[in-house]
PDB file of N, CA and C in Angstrom:
ATOM      1  N   MET A   1     -47.550  61.254  51.805  1.00  0.00           N
ATOM      2  CA  MET A   1     -46.640  60.153  52.027  1.00  0.00           C
ATOM      3  C   MET A   1     -45.980  59.714  50.710  1.00  0.00           C
ATOM      4  N   ILE A   2     -46.694  59.797  49.626  1.00  0.00           N
ATOM      5  CA  ILE A   2     -46.144  59.422  48.337  1.00  0.00           C
ATOM      6  C   ILE A   2     -45.035  60.387  47.934  1.00  0.00           C
ATOM      7  N   ALA A   3     -45.194  61.643  48.199  1.00  0.00           N
ATOM      8  CA  ALA A   3     -44.198  62.644  47.834  1.00  0.00           C
ATOM      9  C   ALA A   3     -42.891  62.407  48.565  1.00  0.00           C
ATOM     10  N   SER A   4     -42.926  62.045  49.832  1.00  0.00           N
ATOM     11  CA  SER A   4     -41.690  61.793  50.578  1.00  0.00           C
ATOM     12  C   SER A   4     -40.991  60.547  50.073  1.00  0.00           C
ATOM     13  N   PHE A   5     -41.720  59.606  49.611  1.00  0.00           N
ATOM     14  CA  PHE A   5     -41.160  58.382  49.047  1.00  0.00           C
ATOM     15  C   PHE A   5     -40.390  58.683  47.771  1.00  0.00           C
ATOM     16  N   VAL A   6     -40.936  59.521  46.891  1.00  0.00           N
ATOM     17  CA  VAL A   6     -40.298  59.904  45.644  1.00  0.00           C
ATOM     18  C   VAL A   6     -39.056  60.732  45.925  1.00  0.00           C
ATOM     19  N   LEU A   7     -39.124  61.610  46.878  1.00  0.00           N
ATOM     20  CA  LEU A   7     -37.984  62.429  47.255  1.00  0.00           C
ATOM     21  C   LEU A   7     -36.859  61.555  47.795  1.00  0.00           C
ATOM     22  N   ALA A   8     -37.184  60.580  48.594  1.00  0.00           N
ATOM     23  CA  ALA A   8     -36.166  59.678  49.135  1.00  0.00           C
ATOM     24  C   ALA A   8     -35.509  58.886  48.015  1.00  0.00           C
ATOM     25  N   ALA A   9     -36.299  58.466  47.042  1.00  0.00           N
ATOM     26  CA  ALA A   9     -35.749  57.723  45.920  1.00  0.00           C
ATOM     27  C   ALA A   9     -34.812  58.601  45.103  1.00  0.00           C
ATOM     28  N   ALA A  10     -35.166  59.836  44.920  1.00  0.00           N
ATOM     29  CA  ALA A  10     -34.316  60.745  44.154  1.00  0.00           C
ATOM     30  C   ALA A  10     -33.005  60.994  44.876  1.00  0.00           C
ATOM     31  N   VAL A  11     -33.038  61.138  46.160  1.00  0.00           N
ATOM     32  CA  VAL A  11     -31.826  61.364  46.944  1.00  0.00           C
ATOM     33  C   VAL A  11     -30.947  60.116  46.924  1.00  0.00           C
ATOM     34  N   THR A  12     -31.559  58.971  47.011  1.00  0.00           N
ATOM     35  CA  THR A  12     -30.802  57.735  47.028  1.00  0.00           C
ATOM     36  C   THR A  12     -30.082  57.504  45.712  1.00  0.00           C
ATOM     37  N   THR A  13     -30.729  57.790  44.599  1.00  0.00           N
ATOM     38  CA  THR A  13     -30.076  57.558  43.320  1.00  0.00           C
ATOM     39  C   THR A  13     -29.017  58.609  43.030  1.00  0.00           C
ATOM     40  N   ALA A  14     -29.153  59.780  43.586  1.00  0.00           N
ATOM     41  CA  ALA A  14     -28.161  60.823  43.342  1.00  0.00           C
ATOM     42  C   ALA A  14     -26.920  60.629  44.198  1.00  0.00           C
ATOM     43  N   ALA A  15     -27.057  60.010  45.344  1.00  0.00           N
ATOM     44  CA  ALA A  15     -25.931  59.871  46.271  1.00  0.00           C
ATOM     45  C   ALA A  15     -24.757  59.084  45.683  1.00  0.00           C
ATOM     46  N   PRO A  16     -24.947  57.953  45.021  1.00  0.00           N
ATOM     47  CA  PRO A  16     -23.797  57.238  44.490  1.00  0.00           C
ATOM     48  C   PRO A  16     -23.019  58.033  43.453  1.00  0.00           C
ATOM     49  N   ALA A  17     -23.688  58.896  42.720  1.00  0.00           N
ATOM     50  CA  ALA A  17     -22.989  59.680  41.713  1.00  0.00           C
ATOM     51  C   ALA A  17     -22.018  60.668  42.361  1.00  0.00           C
ATOM     52  N   LEU A  18     -22.374  61.136  43.554  1.00  0.00           N
ATOM     53  CA  LEU A  18     -21.502  62.071  44.255  1.00  0.00           C
ATOM     54  C   LEU A  18     -20.276  61.369  44.830  1.00  0.00           C
ATOM     55  N   GLN A  19     -20.414  60.098  45.168  1.00  0.00           N
ATOM     56  CA  GLN A  19     -19.324  59.346  45.774  1.00  0.00           C
ATOM     57  C   GLN A  19     -18.806  58.295  44.781  1.00  0.00           C
ATOM     58  N   ALA A  20     -18.407  58.741  43.647  1.00  0.00           N
ATOM     59  CA  ALA A  20     -17.959  57.806  42.611  1.00  0.00           C
ATOM     60  C   ALA A  20     -16.658  57.130  43.044  1.00  0.00           C
ATOM     61  N   GLU A  21     -16.657  55.802  42.982  1.00  0.00           N
ATOM     62  CA  GLU A  21     -15.476  55.020  43.307  1.00  0.00           C
ATOM     63  C   GLU A  21     -14.775  54.626  42.016  1.00  0.00           C
ATOM     64  N   PRO A  22     -13.455  54.506  42.044  1.00  0.00           N
ATOM     65  CA  PRO A  22     -12.761  54.073  40.828  1.00  0.00           C
ATOM     66  C   PRO A  22     -13.234  52.680  40.426  1.00  0.00           C
ATOM     67  N   GLN A  23     -13.453  52.505  39.147  1.00  0.00           N
ATOM     68  CA  GLN A  23     -13.904  51.208  38.651  1.00  0.00           C
ATOM     69  C   GLN A  23     -12.723  50.415  38.127  1.00  0.00           C
ATOM     70  N   ALA A  24     -12.764  49.104  38.366  1.00  0.00           N
ATOM     71  CA  ALA A  24     -11.705  48.227  37.868  1.00  0.00           C
ATOM     72  C   ALA A  24     -11.889  48.036  36.366  1.00  0.00           C
ATOM     73  N   ARG A  25     -10.810  48.033  35.651  1.00  0.00           N
ATOM     74  CA  ARG A  25     -10.862  47.802  34.211  1.00  0.00           C
ATOM     75  C   ARG A  25     -10.395  46.386  33.921  1.00  0.00           C
ATOM     76  N   VAL A  26     -11.134  45.731  33.081  1.00  0.00           N
ATOM     77  CA  VAL A  26     -10.789  44.371  32.687  1.00  0.00           C
ATOM     78  C   VAL A  26      -9.955  44.451  31.416  1.00  0.00           C
ATOM     79  N   VAL A  27      -8.782  43.877  31.473  1.00  0.00           N
ATOM     80  CA  VAL A  27      -7.902  43.864  30.314  1.00  0.00           C
ATOM     81  C   VAL A  27      -7.838  42.438  29.793  1.00  0.00           C
ATOM     82  N   GLN A  28      -8.210  42.261  28.553  1.00  0.00           N
ATOM     83  CA  GLN A  28      -8.161  40.927  27.972  1.00  0.00           C
ATOM     84  C   GLN A  28      -6.790  40.699  27.353  1.00  0.00           C
ATOM     85  N   VAL A  29      -6.235  39.537  27.647  1.00  0.00           N
ATOM     86  CA  VAL A  29      -4.953  39.163  27.080  1.00  0.00           C
ATOM     87  C   VAL A  29      -5.226  38.348  25.823  1.00  0.00           C
ATOM     88  N   ALA A  30      -4.568  38.712  24.764  1.00  0.00           N
ATOM     89  CA  ALA A  30      -4.769  38.008  23.495  1.00  0.00           C
ATOM     90  C   ALA A  30      -4.277  36.570  23.620  1.00  0.00           C
ATOM     91  N   GLN A  31      -5.128  35.636  23.297  1.00  0.00           N
ATOM     92  CA  GLN A  31      -4.790  34.217  23.332  1.00  0.00           C
ATOM     93  C   GLN A  31      -4.597  33.735  21.898  1.00  0.00           C
ATOM     94  N   PRO A  32      -3.673  32.839  21.702  1.00  0.00           N
ATOM     95  CA  PRO A  32      -3.537  32.282  20.352  1.00  0.00           C
ATOM     96  C   PRO A  32      -4.783  31.486  19.984  1.00  0.00           C
ATOM     97  N   ARG A  33      -5.142  31.505  18.733  1.00  0.00           N
ATOM     98  CA  ARG A  33      -6.310  30.769  18.259  1.00  0.00           C
ATOM     99  C   ARG A  33      -6.004  29.283  18.089  1.00  0.00           C
ATOM    100  N   GLU A  34      -4.742  28.959  17.867  1.00  0.00           N
ATOM    101  CA  GLU A  34      -4.365  27.578  17.632  1.00  0.00           C
ATOM    102  C   GLU A  34      -2.990  27.315  18.231  1.00  0.00           C
ATOM    103  N   ALA A  35      -2.865  26.183  18.868  1.00  0.00           N
ATOM    104  CA  ALA A  35      -1.569  25.758  19.393  1.00  0.00           C
ATOM    105  C   ALA A  35      -1.160  24.511  18.615  1.00  0.00           C
ATOM    106  N   VAL A  36       0.138  24.357  18.383  1.00  0.00           N
ATOM    107  CA  VAL A  36       0.631  23.267  17.544  1.00  0.00           C
ATOM    108  C   VAL A  36       1.789  22.564  18.238  1.00  0.00           C
ATOM    109  N   ALA A  37       1.798  21.247  18.144  1.00  0.00           N
ATOM    110  CA  ALA A  37       2.929  20.448  18.621  1.00  0.00           C
ATOM    111  C   ALA A  37       3.289  19.456  17.521  1.00  0.00           C
ATOM    112  N   LEU A  38       4.563  19.183  17.400  1.00  0.00           N
ATOM    113  CA  LEU A  38       5.030  18.184  16.447  1.00  0.00           C
ATOM    114  C   LEU A  38       5.665  17.058  17.243  1.00  0.00           C
ATOM    115  N   LEU A  39       5.101  15.871  17.111  1.00  0.00           N
ATOM    116  CA  LEU A  39       5.624  14.690  17.802  1.00  0.00           C
ATOM    117  C   LEU A  39       6.361  13.805  16.812  1.00  0.00           C
ATOM    118  N   SER A  40       7.328  13.083  17.320  1.00  0.00           N
ATOM    119  CA  SER A  40       7.970  12.016  16.564  1.00  0.00           C
ATOM    120  C   SER A  40       7.608  10.732  17.295  1.00  0.00           C
ATOM    121  N   CYS A  41       6.944   9.797  16.594  1.00  0.00           N
ATOM    122  CA  CYS A  41       6.439   8.587  17.239  1.00  0.00           C
ATOM    123  C   CYS A  41       6.751   7.352  16.401  1.00  0.00           C
ATOM    124  N   MET A  42       6.919   6.227  17.102  1.00  0.00           N
ATOM    125  CA  MET A  42       7.087   4.949  16.416  1.00  0.00           C
ATOM    126  C   MET A  42       5.705   4.338  16.199  1.00  0.00           C
ATOM    127  N   VAL A  43       5.507   3.790  15.004  1.00  0.00           N
ATOM    128  CA  VAL A  43       4.241   3.144  14.666  1.00  0.00           C
ATOM    129  C   VAL A  43       4.295   1.687  15.101  1.00  0.00           C
ATOM    130  N   LYS A  44       3.293   1.265  15.890  1.00  0.00           N
ATOM    131  CA  LYS A  44       3.191  -0.132  16.317  1.00  0.00           C
ATOM    132  C   LYS A  44       2.540  -0.962  15.212  1.00  0.00           C
ATOM    133  N   SER A  45       2.597  -2.269  15.335  1.00  0.00           N
ATOM    134  CA  SER A  45       2.067  -3.165  14.303  1.00  0.00           C
ATOM    135  C   SER A  45       0.551  -3.067  14.153  1.00  0.00           C
ATOM    136  N   ASN A  46      -0.132  -2.488  15.140  1.00  0.00           N
ATOM    137  CA  ASN A  46      -1.580  -2.324  15.043  1.00  0.00           C
ATOM    138  C   ASN A  46      -1.977  -0.908  14.589  1.00  0.00           C
ATOM    139  N   GLY A  47      -0.994  -0.066  14.245  1.00  0.00           N
ATOM    140  CA  GLY A  47      -1.273   1.297  13.810  1.00  0.00           C
ATOM    141  C   GLY A  47      -1.268   2.322  14.926  1.00  0.00           C
ATOM    142  N   GLY A  48      -1.094   1.867  16.164  1.00  0.00           N
ATOM    143  CA  GLY A  48      -1.006   2.793  17.298  1.00  0.00           C
ATOM    144  C   GLY A  48       0.372   3.435  17.355  1.00  0.00           C
ATOM    145  N   LEU A  49       0.525   4.422  18.196  1.00  0.00           N
ATOM    146  CA  LEU A  49       1.798   5.126  18.329  1.00  0.00           C
ATOM    147  C   LEU A  49       2.424   4.841  19.685  1.00  0.00           C
ATOM    148  N   THR A  50       3.757   4.795  19.715  1.00  0.00           N
ATOM    149  CA  THR A  50       4.501   4.573  20.944  1.00  0.00           C
ATOM    150  C   THR A  50       5.812   5.361  20.873  1.00  0.00           C
ATOM    151  N   ASP A  51       6.495   5.442  21.999  1.00  0.00           N
ATOM    152  CA  ASP A  51       7.808   6.114  22.078  1.00  0.00           C
ATOM    153  C   ASP A  51       7.789   7.513  21.469  1.00  0.00           C
ATOM    154  N   CYS A  52       6.761   8.287  21.768  1.00  0.00           N
ATOM    155  CA  CYS A  52       6.631   9.634  21.215  1.00  0.00           C
ATOM    156  C   CYS A  52       7.491  10.633  21.985  1.00  0.00           C
ATOM    157  N   SER A  53       7.973  11.624  21.278  1.00  0.00           N
ATOM    158  CA  SER A  53       8.701  12.729  21.894  1.00  0.00           C
ATOM    159  C   SER A  53       8.311  14.020  21.177  1.00  0.00           C
ATOM    160  N   VAL A  54       8.348  15.115  21.923  1.00  0.00           N
ATOM    161  CA  VAL A  54       7.991  16.416  21.366  1.00  0.00           C
ATOM    162  C   VAL A  54       9.187  16.970  20.606  1.00  0.00           C
ATOM    163  N   GLN A  55       8.981  17.273  19.329  1.00  0.00           N
ATOM    164  CA  GLN A  55      10.024  17.871  18.501  1.00  0.00           C
ATOM    165  C   GLN A  55       9.924  19.390  18.480  1.00  0.00           C
ATOM    166  N   ALA A  56       8.685  19.899  18.560  1.00  0.00           N
ATOM    167  CA  ALA A  56       8.457  21.346  18.555  1.00  0.00           C
ATOM    168  C   ALA A  56       7.067  21.615  19.105  1.00  0.00           C
ATOM    169  N   GLU A  57       6.875  22.835  19.642  1.00  0.00           N
ATOM    170  CA  GLU A  57       5.559  23.263  20.089  1.00  0.00           C
ATOM    171  C   GLU A  57       5.481  24.786  20.048  1.00  0.00           C
ATOM    172  N   SER A  58       4.269  25.265  19.775  1.00  0.00           N
ATOM    173  CA  SER A  58       4.070  26.709  19.714  1.00  0.00           C
ATOM    174  C   SER A  58       2.629  27.013  20.097  1.00  0.00           C
ATOM    175  N   PRO A  59       2.405  27.922  21.010  1.00  0.00           N
ATOM    176  CA  PRO A  59       3.376  28.643  21.821  1.00  0.00           C
ATOM    177  C   PRO A  59       4.009  27.719  22.853  1.00  0.00           C
ATOM    178  N   THR A  60       5.167  28.091  23.323  1.00  0.00           N
ATOM    179  CA  THR A  60       5.936  27.203  24.199  1.00  0.00           C
ATOM    180  C   THR A  60       5.481  27.237  25.644  1.00  0.00           C
ATOM    181  N   ASP A  61       4.667  28.220  26.022  1.00  0.00           N
ATOM    182  CA  ASP A  61       4.313  28.367  27.437  1.00  0.00           C
ATOM    183  C   ASP A  61       2.947  27.792  27.814  1.00  0.00           C
ATOM    184  N   LEU A  62       2.269  27.085  26.925  1.00  0.00           N
ATOM    185  CA  LEU A  62       0.946  26.546  27.232  1.00  0.00           C
ATOM    186  C   LEU A  62       0.936  25.053  27.540  1.00  0.00           C
ATOM    187  N   GLY A  63       2.054  24.372  27.408  1.00  0.00           N
ATOM    188  CA  GLY A  63       2.092  22.936  27.681  1.00  0.00           C
ATOM    189  C   GLY A  63       1.461  22.101  26.583  1.00  0.00           C
ATOM    190  N   VAL A  64       1.485  22.607  25.367  1.00  0.00           N
ATOM    191  CA  VAL A  64       0.872  21.913  24.239  1.00  0.00           C
ATOM    192  C   VAL A  64       1.574  20.593  23.957  1.00  0.00           C
ATOM    193  N   GLY A  65       2.894  20.581  24.079  1.00  0.00           N
ATOM    194  CA  GLY A  65       3.647  19.350  23.836  1.00  0.00           C
ATOM    195  C   GLY A  65       3.245  18.245  24.793  1.00  0.00           C
ATOM    196  N   ASP A  66       3.114  18.589  26.072  1.00  0.00           N
ATOM    197  CA  ASP A  66       2.696  17.587  27.072  1.00  0.00           C
ATOM    198  C   ASP A  66       1.281  17.086  26.794  1.00  0.00           C
ATOM    199  N   ALA A  67       0.388  17.989  26.409  1.00  0.00           N
ATOM    200  CA  ALA A  67      -0.985  17.583  26.084  1.00  0.00           C
ATOM    201  C   ALA A  67      -1.000  16.659  24.871  1.00  0.00           C
ATOM    202  N   ALA A  68      -0.183  16.966  23.869  1.00  0.00           N
ATOM    203  CA  ALA A  68      -0.110  16.131  22.667  1.00  0.00           C
ATOM    204  C   ALA A  68       0.424  14.740  23.010  1.00  0.00           C
ATOM    205  N   LEU A  69       1.420  14.685  23.897  1.00  0.00           N
ATOM    206  CA  LEU A  69       1.954  13.375  24.314  1.00  0.00           C
ATOM    207  C   LEU A  69       0.877  12.533  24.984  1.00  0.00           C
ATOM    208  N   GLN A  70       0.036  13.162  25.780  1.00  0.00           N
ATOM    209  CA  GLN A  70      -1.036  12.420  26.455  1.00  0.00           C
ATOM    210  C   GLN A  70      -2.082  11.910  25.467  1.00  0.00           C
ATOM    211  N   MET A  71      -2.284  12.640  24.367  1.00  0.00           N
ATOM    212  CA  MET A  71      -3.265  12.218  23.364  1.00  0.00           C
ATOM    213  C   MET A  71      -2.718  11.171  22.400  1.00  0.00           C
ATOM    214  N   ALA A  72      -1.411  11.060  22.296  1.00  0.00           N
ATOM    215  CA  ALA A  72      -0.788  10.204  21.283  1.00  0.00           C
ATOM    216  C   ALA A  72      -1.227   8.744  21.380  1.00  0.00           C
ATOM    217  N   SER A  73      -1.488   8.251  22.573  1.00  0.00           N
ATOM    218  CA  SER A  73      -1.877   6.846  22.721  1.00  0.00           C
ATOM    219  C   SER A  73      -3.252   6.561  22.111  1.00  0.00           C
ATOM    220  N   GLN A  74      -4.030   7.597  21.825  1.00  0.00           N
ATOM    221  CA  GLN A  74      -5.366   7.420  21.250  1.00  0.00           C
ATOM    222  C   GLN A  74      -5.366   7.556  19.723  1.00  0.00           C
ATOM    223  N   ILE A  75      -4.211   7.844  19.152  1.00  0.00           N
ATOM    224  CA  ILE A  75      -4.122   8.071  17.706  1.00  0.00           C
ATOM    225  C   ILE A  75      -3.822   6.761  16.983  1.00  0.00           C
ATOM    226  N   GLN A  76      -4.531   6.527  15.896  1.00  0.00           N
ATOM    227  CA  GLN A  76      -4.287   5.380  15.020  1.00  0.00           C
ATOM    228  C   GLN A  76      -3.881   5.924  13.657  1.00  0.00           C
ATOM    229  N   VAL A  77      -2.880   5.347  13.034  1.00  0.00           N
ATOM    230  CA  VAL A  77      -2.454   5.760  11.698  1.00  0.00           C
ATOM    231  C   VAL A  77      -2.576   4.577  10.746  1.00  0.00           C
ATOM    232  N   GLU A  78      -2.605   4.880   9.462  1.00  0.00           N
ATOM    233  CA  GLU A  78      -2.621   3.830   8.442  1.00  0.00           C
ATOM    234  C   GLU A  78      -1.272   3.122   8.467  1.00  0.00           C
ATOM    235  N   LEU A  79      -1.304   1.803   8.427  1.00  0.00           N
ATOM    236  CA  LEU A  79      -0.048   1.043   8.445  1.00  0.00           C
ATOM    237  C   LEU A  79       0.737   1.195   7.153  1.00  0.00           C
ATOM    238  N   LEU A  80       0.049   1.346   6.046  1.00  0.00           N
ATOM    239  CA  LEU A  80       0.745   1.508   4.773  1.00  0.00           C
ATOM    240  C   LEU A  80       0.972   2.994   4.509  1.00  0.00           C
ATOM    241  N   GLY A  81       2.233   3.322   4.231  1.00  0.00           N
ATOM    242  CA  GLY A  81       2.581   4.695   3.907  1.00  0.00           C
ATOM    243  C   GLY A  81       2.228   5.021   2.473  1.00  0.00           C
ATOM    244  N   PRO A  82       2.478   6.253   2.052  1.00  0.00           N
ATOM    245  CA  PRO A  82       2.176   6.650   0.673  1.00  0.00           C
ATOM    246  C   PRO A  82       2.947   5.830  -0.363  1.00  0.00           C
ATOM    247  N   ASP A  83       4.067   5.264   0.043  1.00  0.00           N
ATOM    248  CA  ASP A  83       4.870   4.447  -0.883  1.00  0.00           C
ATOM    249  C   ASP A  83       4.419   2.992  -0.923  1.00  0.00           C
ATOM    250  N   GLY A  84       3.371   2.666  -0.126  1.00  0.00           N
ATOM    251  CA  GLY A  84       2.844   1.304  -0.108  1.00  0.00           C
ATOM    252  C   GLY A  84       3.547   0.377   0.867  1.00  0.00           C
ATOM    253  N   LYS A  85       4.581   0.864   1.552  1.00  0.00           N
ATOM    254  CA  LYS A  85       5.323   0.042   2.514  1.00  0.00           C
ATOM    255  C   LYS A  85       4.742   0.216   3.919  1.00  0.00           C
ATOM    256  N   SER A  86       4.911  -0.814   4.717  1.00  0.00           N
ATOM    257  CA  SER A  86       4.431  -0.774   6.100  1.00  0.00           C
ATOM    258  C   SER A  86       5.234   0.241   6.917  1.00  0.00           C
ATOM    259  N   ARG A  87       4.529   0.978   7.735  1.00  0.00           N
ATOM    260  CA  ARG A  87       5.172   1.945   8.637  1.00  0.00           C
ATOM    261  C   ARG A  87       5.510   1.324   9.990  1.00  0.00           C
ATOM    262  N   ALA A  88       5.037   0.112  10.250  1.00  0.00           N
ATOM    263  CA  ALA A  88       5.257  -0.536  11.550  1.00  0.00           C
ATOM    264  C   ALA A  88       6.749  -0.583  11.871  1.00  0.00           C
ATOM    265  N   GLY A  89       7.105  -0.132  13.074  1.00  0.00           N
ATOM    266  CA  GLY A  89       8.498  -0.137  13.506  1.00  0.00           C
ATOM    267  C   GLY A  89       9.289   1.084  13.083  1.00  0.00           C
ATOM    268  N   SER A  90       8.674   1.983  12.334  1.00  0.00           N
ATOM    269  CA  SER A  90       9.396   3.186  11.904  1.00  0.00           C
ATOM    270  C   SER A  90       8.839   4.420  12.624  1.00  0.00           C
ATOM    271  N   PHE A  91       9.640   5.466  12.678  1.00  0.00           N
ATOM    272  CA  PHE A  91       9.215   6.720  13.306  1.00  0.00           C
ATOM    273  C   PHE A  91       8.590   7.623  12.250  1.00  0.00           C
ATOM    274  N   ILE A  92       7.526   8.297  12.652  1.00  0.00           N
ATOM    275  CA  ILE A  92       6.872   9.266  11.780  1.00  0.00           C
ATOM    276  C   ILE A  92       6.666  10.566  12.551  1.00  0.00           C
ATOM    277  N   ASP A  93       6.530  11.667  11.828  1.00  0.00           N
ATOM    278  CA  ASP A  93       6.198  12.949  12.437  1.00  0.00           C
ATOM    279  C   ASP A  93       4.684  13.070  12.496  1.00  0.00           C
ATOM    280  N   VAL A  94       4.193  13.481  13.655  1.00  0.00           N
ATOM    281  CA  VAL A  94       2.753  13.609  13.861  1.00  0.00           C
ATOM    282  C   VAL A  94       2.453  15.038  14.316  1.00  0.00           C
ATOM    283  N   PRO A  95       1.866  15.864  13.445  1.00  0.00           N
ATOM    284  CA  PRO A  95       1.482  17.209  13.875  1.00  0.00           C
ATOM    285  C   PRO A  95       0.162  17.164  14.641  1.00  0.00           C
ATOM    286  N   ILE A  96       0.112  17.871  15.753  1.00  0.00           N
ATOM    287  CA  ILE A  96      -1.101  17.962  16.575  1.00  0.00           C
ATOM    288  C   ILE A  96      -1.486  19.432  16.647  1.00  0.00           C
ATOM    289  N   ARG A  97      -2.705  19.740  16.251  1.00  0.00           N
ATOM    290  CA  ARG A  97      -3.210  21.113  16.336  1.00  0.00           C
ATOM    291  C   ARG A  97      -4.337  21.142  17.361  1.00  0.00           C
ATOM    292  N   ILE A  98      -4.271  22.096  18.264  1.00  0.00           N
ATOM    293  CA  ILE A  98      -5.288  22.257  19.290  1.00  0.00           C
ATOM    294  C   ILE A  98      -5.904  23.634  19.133  1.00  0.00           C
ATOM    295  N   ARG A  99      -7.203  23.679  18.916  1.00  0.00           N
ATOM    296  CA  ARG A  99      -7.895  24.967  18.784  1.00  0.00           C
ATOM    297  C   ARG A  99      -8.242  25.484  20.175  1.00  0.00           C
ATOM    298  N   ILE A 100      -7.889  26.737  20.400  1.00  0.00           N
ATOM    299  CA  ILE A 100      -8.142  27.381  21.694  1.00  0.00           C
ATOM    300  C   ILE A 100      -9.285  28.358  21.526  1.00  0.00           C
ATOM    301  N   ARG A 101     -10.273  28.229  22.384  1.00  0.00           N
ATOM    302  CA  ARG A 101     -11.423  29.144  22.320  1.00  0.00           C
ATOM    303  C   ARG A 101     -11.439  30.056  23.499  1.00  0.00           C
TER     304      ARG A 101
END
């Protein structure tokens, strides 16, 4: 009885090799490592941003600009610029980088 069991196992494992089916190949599409958007935003008196618009985005087909606009309300900037003057009420460029994994 043991011998017939081993023979059946050998036949079973050999059968799929005879009926080989085409295998699907997985093709990976190269994704950018980083997406970038440049916003132009007005600085509020509390350092928050308002009235933002997308000036540029790369790559253009991932919706990075829209994602950056949604994040802009959570960004706080220093009220004093490098020249020591208040930025409140003025527009500034805000680069947003998103790492893609």
